[in-house]
Amino acid sequence: MNRHRFSFLCLVVLCFGFEFEAMAAKRDFKGLFGSYRREKFTENEANRTDFGVDLMLSTLLPLSSVAKSAEPGTPNNFNPLNYSTFFNFEGSFWFSLAYHWAFYANIGRYSYETRKQNSPATDPPQFHKFEMEAIPGVAGIRYRLSTNDLVPYVSLGIGMAYVHRQGSHETGGKDDEYNTVACGHGAVGLEFFFAPNAGLRVETSAYYFNLPQRTFDPGGGTKQKIQYQSNVWAVRYASGVFFLF
């Protein structure tokens, strides 16, 4: 190999070395066999103000009795009806202020049904039943604790609920009651951003209905009385998606 070829080869090696060093610096290589550090992306843009919409499904699990019944032979000995639960859907509109504070309005529909077999037993069996439907509208405030993709928060809301309660017997007799009562809840939850303008929401809360007590007595002394309970408390679990505009 003559001197000119050797000089050309050295120049190529030197240029390749500088180019590799520059590439390593750009990609943050830590040595020839080091790790490549990827940039972290945060979907939560943490805007000071946003308008948001929630679409959620939820369940209310009663903490207190919703309805009780008494047998004809013991008309004042009321016992809780068999356990049932609420199923509902909800929609919310909210507006964030200085990012951490959000004011929201929520409306939903909750339904509840339970029944108990009449005593003495008959063939076919017959039941007395209780049903409840509530449409609450709640306004409140939420405080968000993080600007990351996973955002815990606490919230408090109060409002009014339109409530229909019905007691009935399969052997005849029905009672309907309609009320508009105060309601409210205190909640803790999580927002998870999977895109800059969308995410998942999971929330749990203590929910309260300021309902009055009422007793349905079908009369005659041969049918069960049904007592609608006052001041109903429940645990609410909700999950769904939210979108920002």
C-alpha atoms as a PDB file:
ATOM      1  CA  MET A   1       0.000   0.000   0.000  1.00  0.00           C
ATOM      2  CA  ASN A   2       1.580   3.299  -1.052  1.00  0.00           C
ATOM      3  CA  ARG A   3       1.616   6.434   1.030  1.00  0.00           C
ATOM      4  CA  HIS A   4      -1.306   8.121  -0.815  1.00  0.00           C
ATOM      5  CA  ARG A   5      -3.653   5.164  -0.296  1.00  0.00           C
ATOM      6  CA  PHE A   6      -2.694   4.952   3.376  1.00  0.00           C
ATOM      7  CA  SER A   7      -3.386   8.676   3.870  1.00  0.00           C
ATOM      8  CA  PHE A   8      -6.792   8.334   2.147  1.00  0.00           C
ATOM      9  CA  LEU A   9      -7.728   5.366   4.362  1.00  0.00           C
ATOM     10  CA  CYS A  10      -6.798   7.298   7.518  1.00  0.00           C
ATOM     11  CA  LEU A  11      -8.931  10.229   6.377  1.00  0.00           C
ATOM     12  CA  VAL A  12     -11.991   7.953   5.817  1.00  0.00           C
ATOM     13  CA  VAL A  13     -11.608   6.335   9.261  1.00  0.00           C
ATOM     14  CA  LEU A  14     -11.251   9.750  10.908  1.00  0.00           C
ATOM     15  CA  CYS A  15     -14.363  11.139   9.178  1.00  0.00           C
ATOM     16  CA  PHE A  16     -16.383   8.050  10.098  1.00  0.00           C
ATOM     17  CA  GLY A  17     -15.281   8.444  13.718  1.00  0.00           C
ATOM     18  CA  PHE A  18     -16.449  12.077  13.893  1.00  0.00           C
ATOM     19  CA  GLU A  19     -19.774  11.195  12.230  1.00  0.00           C
ATOM     20  CA  PHE A  20     -20.438   8.333  14.676  1.00  0.00           C
ATOM     21  CA  GLU A  21     -19.619  10.628  17.610  1.00  0.00           C
ATOM     22  CA  ALA A  22     -22.096  13.213  16.330  1.00  0.00           C
ATOM     23  CA  MET A  23     -24.828  10.567  15.899  1.00  0.00           C
ATOM     24  CA  ALA A  24     -24.172   9.217  19.380  1.00  0.00           C
ATOM     25  CA  ALA A  25     -24.460  12.707  20.859  1.00  0.00           C
ATOM     26  CA  LYS A  26     -27.757  13.328  19.058  1.00  0.00           C
ATOM     27  CA  ARG A  27     -29.274  10.010  20.162  1.00  0.00           C
ATOM     28  CA  ASP A  28     -27.730  10.088  23.614  1.00  0.00           C
ATOM     29  CA  PHE A  29     -25.743   6.836  23.221  1.00  0.00           C
ATOM     30  CA  LYS A  30     -23.754   6.158  26.358  1.00  0.00           C
ATOM     31  CA  GLY A  31     -20.710   4.540  24.815  1.00  0.00           C
ATOM     32  CA  LEU A  32     -20.641   2.058  21.963  1.00  0.00           C
ATOM     33  CA  PHE A  33     -22.649  -0.538  23.940  1.00  0.00           C
ATOM     34  CA  GLY A  34     -24.585   1.923  26.104  1.00  0.00           C
ATOM     35  CA  SER A  35     -28.361   2.431  26.295  1.00  0.00           C
ATOM     36  CA  TYR A  36     -30.484   4.625  24.079  1.00  0.00           C
ATOM     37  CA  ARG A  37     -32.553   7.085  26.154  1.00  0.00           C
ATOM     38  CA  ARG A  38     -35.991   7.752  24.698  1.00  0.00           C
ATOM     39  CA  GLU A  39     -37.733  11.066  25.235  1.00  0.00           C
ATOM     40  CA  LYS A  40     -40.733  10.868  27.622  1.00  0.00           C
ATOM     41  CA  PHE A  41     -44.026  12.047  26.158  1.00  0.00           C
ATOM     42  CA  THR A  42     -46.804  13.421  28.400  1.00  0.00           C
ATOM     43  CA  GLU A  43     -50.293  13.333  26.889  1.00  0.00           C
ATOM     44  CA  ASN A  44     -51.734  15.652  29.556  1.00  0.00           C
ATOM     45  CA  GLU A  45     -51.204  19.135  28.159  1.00  0.00           C
ATOM     46  CA  ALA A  46     -52.273  20.703  31.503  1.00  0.00           C
ATOM     47  CA  ASN A  47     -54.014  23.682  29.899  1.00  0.00           C
ATOM     48  CA  ARG A  48     -55.130  26.408  32.281  1.00  0.00           C
ATOM     49  CA  THR A  49     -58.676  26.212  30.916  1.00  0.00           C
ATOM     50  CA  ASP A  50     -60.483  23.359  29.191  1.00  0.00           C
ATOM     51  CA  PHE A  51     -64.071  22.433  28.449  1.00  0.00           C
ATOM     52  CA  GLY A  52     -64.725  18.737  29.069  1.00  0.00           C
ATOM     53  CA  VAL A  53     -67.446  16.108  28.665  1.00  0.00           C
ATOM     54  CA  ASP A  54     -67.732  12.811  30.587  1.00  0.00           C
ATOM     55  CA  LEU A  55     -69.690   9.708  29.512  1.00  0.00           C
ATOM     56  CA  MET A  56     -69.851   7.152  32.326  1.00  0.00           C
ATOM     57  CA  LEU A  57     -71.506   3.980  33.592  1.00  0.00           C
ATOM     58  CA  SER A  58     -71.892   3.493  37.324  1.00  0.00           C
ATOM     59  CA  THR A  59     -73.358   1.372  40.096  1.00  0.00           C
ATOM     60  CA  LEU A  60     -74.695   2.401  43.500  1.00  0.00           C
ATOM     61  CA  LEU A  61     -74.360  -0.105  46.338  1.00  0.00           C
ATOM     62  CA  PRO A  62     -76.733   0.800  49.210  1.00  0.00           C
ATOM     63  CA  LEU A  63     -75.131   1.287  52.626  1.00  0.00           C
ATOM     64  CA  SER A  64     -78.486   1.717  54.329  1.00  0.00           C
ATOM     65  CA  SER A  65     -81.752  -0.092  53.741  1.00  0.00           C
ATOM     66  CA  VAL A  66     -83.797   1.271  50.839  1.00  0.00           C
ATOM     67  CA  ALA A  67     -87.050  -0.573  51.667  1.00  0.00           C
ATOM     68  CA  LYS A  68     -88.393  -2.911  54.355  1.00  0.00           C
ATOM     69  CA  SER A  69     -91.517  -5.055  54.673  1.00  0.00           C
ATOM     70  CA  ALA A  70     -93.585  -6.495  57.517  1.00  0.00           C
ATOM     71  CA  GLU A  71     -95.585  -9.730  57.529  1.00  0.00           C
ATOM     72  CA  PRO A  72     -99.354  -9.562  58.160  1.00  0.00           C
ATOM     73  CA  GLY A  73     -99.045 -11.267  61.573  1.00  0.00           C
ATOM     74  CA  THR A  74     -96.383  -8.785  62.753  1.00  0.00           C
ATOM     75  CA  PRO A  75     -97.376  -5.510  61.035  1.00  0.00           C
ATOM     76  CA  ASN A  76     -94.831  -3.357  62.897  1.00  0.00           C
ATOM     77  CA  ASN A  77     -91.831  -5.693  62.614  1.00  0.00           C
ATOM     78  CA  PHE A  78     -90.158  -4.373  59.457  1.00  0.00           C
ATOM     79  CA  ASN A  79     -87.213  -6.253  57.940  1.00  0.00           C
ATOM     80  CA  PRO A  80     -85.035  -5.228  54.960  1.00  0.00           C
ATOM     81  CA  LEU A  81     -86.037  -6.607  51.572  1.00  0.00           C
ATOM     82  CA  ASN A  82     -83.552  -8.778  49.738  1.00  0.00           C
ATOM     83  CA  TYR A  83     -80.474  -6.910  48.579  1.00  0.00           C
ATOM     84  CA  SER A  84     -80.498  -5.338  45.151  1.00  0.00           C
ATOM     85  CA  THR A  85     -78.532  -2.528  43.538  1.00  0.00           C
ATOM     86  CA  PHE A  86     -78.632   0.517  41.280  1.00  0.00           C
ATOM     87  CA  PHE A  87     -77.444   0.569  37.665  1.00  0.00           C
ATOM     88  CA  ASN A  88     -77.164   3.844  35.845  1.00  0.00           C
ATOM     89  CA  PHE A  89     -75.508   5.976  33.218  1.00  0.00           C
ATOM     90  CA  GLU A  90     -74.242   9.534  33.649  1.00  0.00           C
ATOM     91  CA  GLY A  91     -73.136  12.525  31.645  1.00  0.00           C
ATOM     92  CA  SER A  92     -71.091  15.487  32.882  1.00  0.00           C
ATOM     93  CA  PHE A  93     -69.995  18.841  31.542  1.00  0.00           C
ATOM     94  CA  TRP A  94     -67.091  20.629  33.197  1.00  0.00           C
ATOM     95  CA  PHE A  95     -64.829  23.623  32.898  1.00  0.00           C
ATOM     96  CA  SER A  96     -61.330  23.842  34.382  1.00  0.00           C
ATOM     97  CA  LEU A  97     -59.935  27.046  35.845  1.00  0.00           C
ATOM     98  CA  ALA A  98     -56.180  27.476  36.479  1.00  0.00           C
ATOM     99  CA  TYR A  99     -55.987  23.741  35.560  1.00  0.00           C
ATOM    100  CA  HIS A 100     -56.309  22.378  39.118  1.00  0.00           C
ATOM    101  CA  TRP A 101     -59.884  23.563  39.758  1.00  0.00           C
ATOM    102  CA  ALA A 102     -62.787  22.222  37.703  1.00  0.00           C
ATOM    103  CA  PHE A 103     -66.476  23.096  37.997  1.00  0.00           C
ATOM    104  CA  TYR A 104     -68.878  20.402  36.795  1.00  0.00           C
ATOM    105  CA  ALA A 105     -72.553  19.597  36.280  1.00  0.00           C
ATOM    106  CA  ASN A 106     -73.621  15.950  36.285  1.00  0.00           C
ATOM    107  CA  ILE A 107     -76.927  14.305  35.399  1.00  0.00           C
ATOM    108  CA  GLY A 108     -77.734  10.597  35.575  1.00  0.00           C
ATOM    109  CA  ARG A 109     -80.423   7.969  35.844  1.00  0.00           C
ATOM    110  CA  TYR A 110     -80.382   5.370  38.623  1.00  0.00           C
ATOM    111  CA  SER A 111     -82.713   2.381  38.928  1.00  0.00           C
ATOM    112  CA  TYR A 112     -83.259  -0.040  41.832  1.00  0.00           C
ATOM    113  CA  GLU A 113     -85.514  -3.057  42.248  1.00  0.00           C
ATOM    114  CA  THR A 114     -85.966  -5.681  44.950  1.00  0.00           C
ATOM    115  CA  ARG A 115     -88.602  -8.215  45.972  1.00  0.00           C
ATOM    116  CA  LYS A 116     -89.472 -10.765  48.641  1.00  0.00           C
ATOM    117  CA  GLN A 117     -91.613 -13.884  48.465  1.00  0.00           C
ATOM    118  CA  ASN A 118     -94.945 -13.626  50.233  1.00  0.00           C
ATOM    119  CA  SER A 119     -95.486 -15.649  53.379  1.00  0.00           C
ATOM    120  CA  PRO A 120     -97.020 -18.181  53.698  1.00  0.00           C
ATOM    121  CA  ALA A 121     -95.516 -19.681  50.539  1.00  0.00           C
ATOM    122  CA  THR A 122     -97.816 -20.391  47.616  1.00  0.00           C
ATOM    123  CA  ASP A 123     -97.518 -22.421  44.437  1.00  0.00           C
ATOM    124  CA  PRO A 124     -96.644 -20.701  42.188  1.00  0.00           C
ATOM    125  CA  PRO A 125     -94.766 -18.310  44.531  1.00  0.00           C
ATOM    126  CA  GLN A 126     -95.953 -14.724  44.725  1.00  0.00           C
ATOM    127  CA  PHE A 127     -93.969 -11.647  45.723  1.00  0.00           C
ATOM    128  CA  HIS A 128     -94.234  -8.125  47.038  1.00  0.00           C
ATOM    129  CA  LYS A 129     -91.875  -5.717  45.279  1.00  0.00           C
ATOM    130  CA  PHE A 130     -90.237  -2.340  45.592  1.00  0.00           C
ATOM    131  CA  GLU A 131     -88.838  -0.224  42.738  1.00  0.00           C
ATOM    132  CA  MET A 132     -87.069   3.097  42.697  1.00  0.00           C
ATOM    133  CA  GLU A 133     -85.932   5.393  39.889  1.00  0.00           C
ATOM    134  CA  ALA A 134     -83.906   8.551  40.520  1.00  0.00           C
ATOM    135  CA  ILE A 135     -82.785  11.258  38.113  1.00  0.00           C
ATOM    136  CA  PRO A 136     -80.301  13.472  39.964  1.00  0.00           C
ATOM    137  CA  GLY A 137     -78.701  16.698  38.790  1.00  0.00           C
ATOM    138  CA  VAL A 138     -75.563  17.605  40.723  1.00  0.00           C
ATOM    139  CA  ALA A 139     -73.243  20.622  40.459  1.00  0.00           C
ATOM    140  CA  GLY A 140     -69.882  20.687  42.173  1.00  0.00           C
ATOM    141  CA  ILE A 141     -66.194  21.452  42.249  1.00  0.00           C
ATOM    142  CA  ARG A 142     -63.209  19.176  41.627  1.00  0.00           C
ATOM    143  CA  TYR A 143     -59.558  19.659  42.608  1.00  0.00           C
ATOM    144  CA  ARG A 144     -56.911  17.912  40.476  1.00  0.00           C
ATOM    145  CA  LEU A 145     -53.691  16.924  42.249  1.00  0.00           C
ATOM    146  CA  SER A 146     -51.273  16.300  39.356  1.00  0.00           C
ATOM    147  CA  THR A 147     -50.267  17.483  35.892  1.00  0.00           C
ATOM    148  CA  ASN A 148     -49.018  14.039  34.777  1.00  0.00           C
ATOM    149  CA  ASP A 149     -50.879  11.519  32.627  1.00  0.00           C
ATOM    150  CA  LEU A 150     -52.361   9.970  35.795  1.00  0.00           C
ATOM    151  CA  VAL A 151     -54.303  12.645  37.685  1.00  0.00           C
ATOM    152  CA  PRO A 152     -55.870  11.922  41.108  1.00  0.00           C
ATOM    153  CA  TYR A 153     -58.597  14.299  42.259  1.00  0.00           C
ATOM    154  CA  VAL A 154     -61.218  14.936  44.940  1.00  0.00           C
ATOM    155  CA  SER A 155     -64.651  16.469  44.381  1.00  0.00           C
ATOM    156  CA  LEU A 156     -67.788  17.556  46.180  1.00  0.00           C
ATOM    157  CA  GLY A 157     -71.224  18.111  44.652  1.00  0.00           C
ATOM    158  CA  ILE A 158     -74.792  18.917  45.717  1.00  0.00           C
ATOM    159  CA  GLY A 159     -78.048  19.072  43.793  1.00  0.00           C
ATOM    160  CA  MET A 160     -81.614  17.838  43.453  1.00  0.00           C
ATOM    161  CA  ALA A 161     -83.054  14.477  42.418  1.00  0.00           C
ATOM    162  CA  TYR A 162     -86.438  13.550  40.992  1.00  0.00           C
ATOM    163  CA  VAL A 163     -87.340  10.220  42.614  1.00  0.00           C
ATOM    164  CA  HIS A 164     -90.128   7.740  41.842  1.00  0.00           C
ATOM    165  CA  ARG A 165     -90.711   4.974  44.435  1.00  0.00           C
ATOM    166  CA  GLN A 166     -93.245   2.195  43.968  1.00  0.00           C
ATOM    167  CA  GLY A 167     -94.410  -0.666  46.167  1.00  0.00           C
ATOM    168  CA  SER A 168     -96.634  -3.416  44.795  1.00  0.00           C
ATOM    169  CA  HIS A 169     -98.055  -6.906  45.388  1.00  0.00           C
ATOM    170  CA  GLU A 170     -98.484  -9.531  42.701  1.00  0.00           C
ATOM    171  CA  THR A 171    -101.827 -10.366  44.295  1.00  0.00           C
ATOM    172  CA  GLY A 172    -102.991  -6.780  43.752  1.00  0.00           C
ATOM    173  CA  GLY A 173    -102.309  -3.353  45.201  1.00  0.00           C
ATOM    174  CA  LYS A 174     -99.797  -0.711  44.135  1.00  0.00           C
ATOM    175  CA  ASP A 175     -98.487   2.528  45.593  1.00  0.00           C
ATOM    176  CA  ASP A 176     -96.575   5.277  43.737  1.00  0.00           C
ATOM    177  CA  GLU A 177     -94.707   8.174  45.307  1.00  0.00           C
ATOM    178  CA  TYR A 178     -92.964  11.058  43.504  1.00  0.00           C
ATOM    179  CA  ASN A 179     -90.510  13.383  45.238  1.00  0.00           C
ATOM    180  CA  THR A 180     -87.975  16.053  44.374  1.00  0.00           C
ATOM    181  CA  VAL A 181     -85.328  15.910  47.089  1.00  0.00           C
ATOM    182  CA  ALA A 182     -81.833  17.165  47.858  1.00  0.00           C
ATOM    183  CA  CYS A 183     -78.918  14.890  47.030  1.00  0.00           C
ATOM    184  CA  GLY A 184     -75.150  15.065  46.957  1.00  0.00           C
ATOM    185  CA  HIS A 185     -71.878  13.190  46.996  1.00  0.00           C
ATOM    186  CA  GLY A 186     -68.202  13.436  47.932  1.00  0.00           C
ATOM    187  CA  ALA A 187     -65.836  11.608  45.563  1.00  0.00           C
ATOM    188  CA  VAL A 188     -62.251  10.597  44.898  1.00  0.00           C
ATOM    189  CA  GLY A 189     -61.097   9.555  41.447  1.00  0.00           C
ATOM    190  CA  LEU A 190     -58.430   9.229  38.774  1.00  0.00           C
ATOM    191  CA  GLU A 191     -58.079  10.641  35.277  1.00  0.00           C
ATOM    192  CA  PHE A 192     -55.778   8.805  32.847  1.00  0.00           C
ATOM    193  CA  PHE A 193     -54.841  10.622  29.647  1.00  0.00           C
ATOM    194  CA  PHE A 194     -54.306   8.301  26.671  1.00  0.00           C
ATOM    195  CA  ALA A 195     -54.344  11.255  24.229  1.00  0.00           C
ATOM    196  CA  PRO A 196     -53.941  15.029  24.612  1.00  0.00           C
ATOM    197  CA  ASN A 197     -57.712  15.555  24.449  1.00  0.00           C
ATOM    198  CA  ALA A 198     -59.122  12.286  25.778  1.00  0.00           C
ATOM    199  CA  GLY A 199     -58.767   9.860  28.667  1.00  0.00           C
ATOM    200  CA  LEU A 200     -60.363   7.448  31.094  1.00  0.00           C
ATOM    201  CA  ARG A 201     -62.040   8.375  34.382  1.00  0.00           C
ATOM    202  CA  VAL A 202     -62.565   6.109  37.419  1.00  0.00           C
ATOM    203  CA  GLU A 203     -64.415   7.460  40.447  1.00  0.00           C
ATOM    204  CA  THR A 204     -65.910   6.320  43.759  1.00  0.00           C
ATOM    205  CA  SER A 205     -68.072   8.369  46.094  1.00  0.00           C
ATOM    206  CA  ALA A 206     -70.451   8.394  49.035  1.00  0.00           C
ATOM    207  CA  TYR A 207     -73.898   9.308  47.672  1.00  0.00           C
ATOM    208  CA  TYR A 208     -76.878  10.644  49.663  1.00  0.00           C
ATOM    209  CA  PHE A 209     -80.608  11.076  48.931  1.00  0.00           C
ATOM    210  CA  ASN A 210     -82.646  13.136  51.415  1.00  0.00           C
ATOM    211  CA  LEU A 211     -85.757  10.989  51.051  1.00  0.00           C
ATOM    212  CA  PRO A 212     -88.694  10.949  53.502  1.00  0.00           C
ATOM    213  CA  GLN A 213     -90.042   7.734  55.059  1.00  0.00           C
ATOM    214  CA  ARG A 214     -93.340   6.345  53.771  1.00  0.00           C
ATOM    215  CA  THR A 215     -95.348   3.187  54.513  1.00  0.00           C
ATOM    216  CA  PHE A 216     -97.471   1.418  51.920  1.00  0.00           C
ATOM    217  CA  ASP A 217    -100.302  -0.481  53.631  1.00  0.00           C
ATOM    218  CA  PRO A 218    -102.477  -2.395  51.130  1.00  0.00           C
ATOM    219  CA  GLY A 219    -105.028  -2.929  53.914  1.00  0.00           C
ATOM    220  CA  GLY A 220    -107.099  -5.952  54.886  1.00  0.00           C
ATOM    221  CA  GLY A 221    -104.472  -7.347  57.247  1.00  0.00           C
ATOM    222  CA  THR A 222    -103.566 -10.120  54.775  1.00  0.00           C
ATOM    223  CA  LYS A 223    -100.745  -8.460  52.807  1.00  0.00           C
ATOM    224  CA  GLN A 224     -97.262  -7.303  53.689  1.00  0.00           C
ATOM    225  CA  LYS A 225     -96.702  -3.642  54.469  1.00  0.00           C
ATOM    226  CA  ILE A 226     -93.794  -1.993  52.635  1.00  0.00           C
ATOM    227  CA  GLN A 227     -91.867   0.818  54.272  1.00  0.00           C
ATOM    228  CA  TYR A 228     -89.872   3.178  52.033  1.00  0.00           C
ATOM    229  CA  GLN A 229     -86.762   4.230  53.938  1.00  0.00           C
ATOM    230  CA  SER A 230     -85.578   7.778  54.536  1.00  0.00           C
ATOM    231  CA  ASN A 231     -82.084   9.274  54.134  1.00  0.00           C
ATOM    232  CA  VAL A 232     -80.660   6.675  51.743  1.00  0.00           C
ATOM    233  CA  TRP A 233     -76.850   6.341  51.621  1.00  0.00           C
ATOM    234  CA  ALA A 234     -74.921   4.427  48.952  1.00  0.00           C
ATOM    235  CA  VAL A 235     -71.404   3.868  47.652  1.00  0.00           C
ATOM    236  CA  ARG A 236     -71.085   4.857  43.999  1.00  0.00           C
ATOM    237  CA  TYR A 237     -68.565   3.356  41.553  1.00  0.00           C
ATOM    238  CA  ALA A 238     -68.290   4.982  38.121  1.00  0.00           C
ATOM    239  CA  SER A 239     -66.009   4.671  35.107  1.00  0.00           C
ATOM    240  CA  GLY A 240     -65.996   5.998  31.577  1.00  0.00           C
ATOM    241  CA  VAL A 241     -64.263   8.305  29.118  1.00  0.00           C
ATOM    242  CA  PHE A 242     -63.780  12.053  28.954  1.00  0.00           C
ATOM    243  CA  PHE A 243     -63.046  14.392  26.069  1.00  0.00           C
ATOM    244  CA  LEU A 244     -61.589  17.912  26.046  1.00  0.00           C
ATOM    245  CA  PHE A 245     -62.511  20.663  23.600  1.00  0.00           C
END
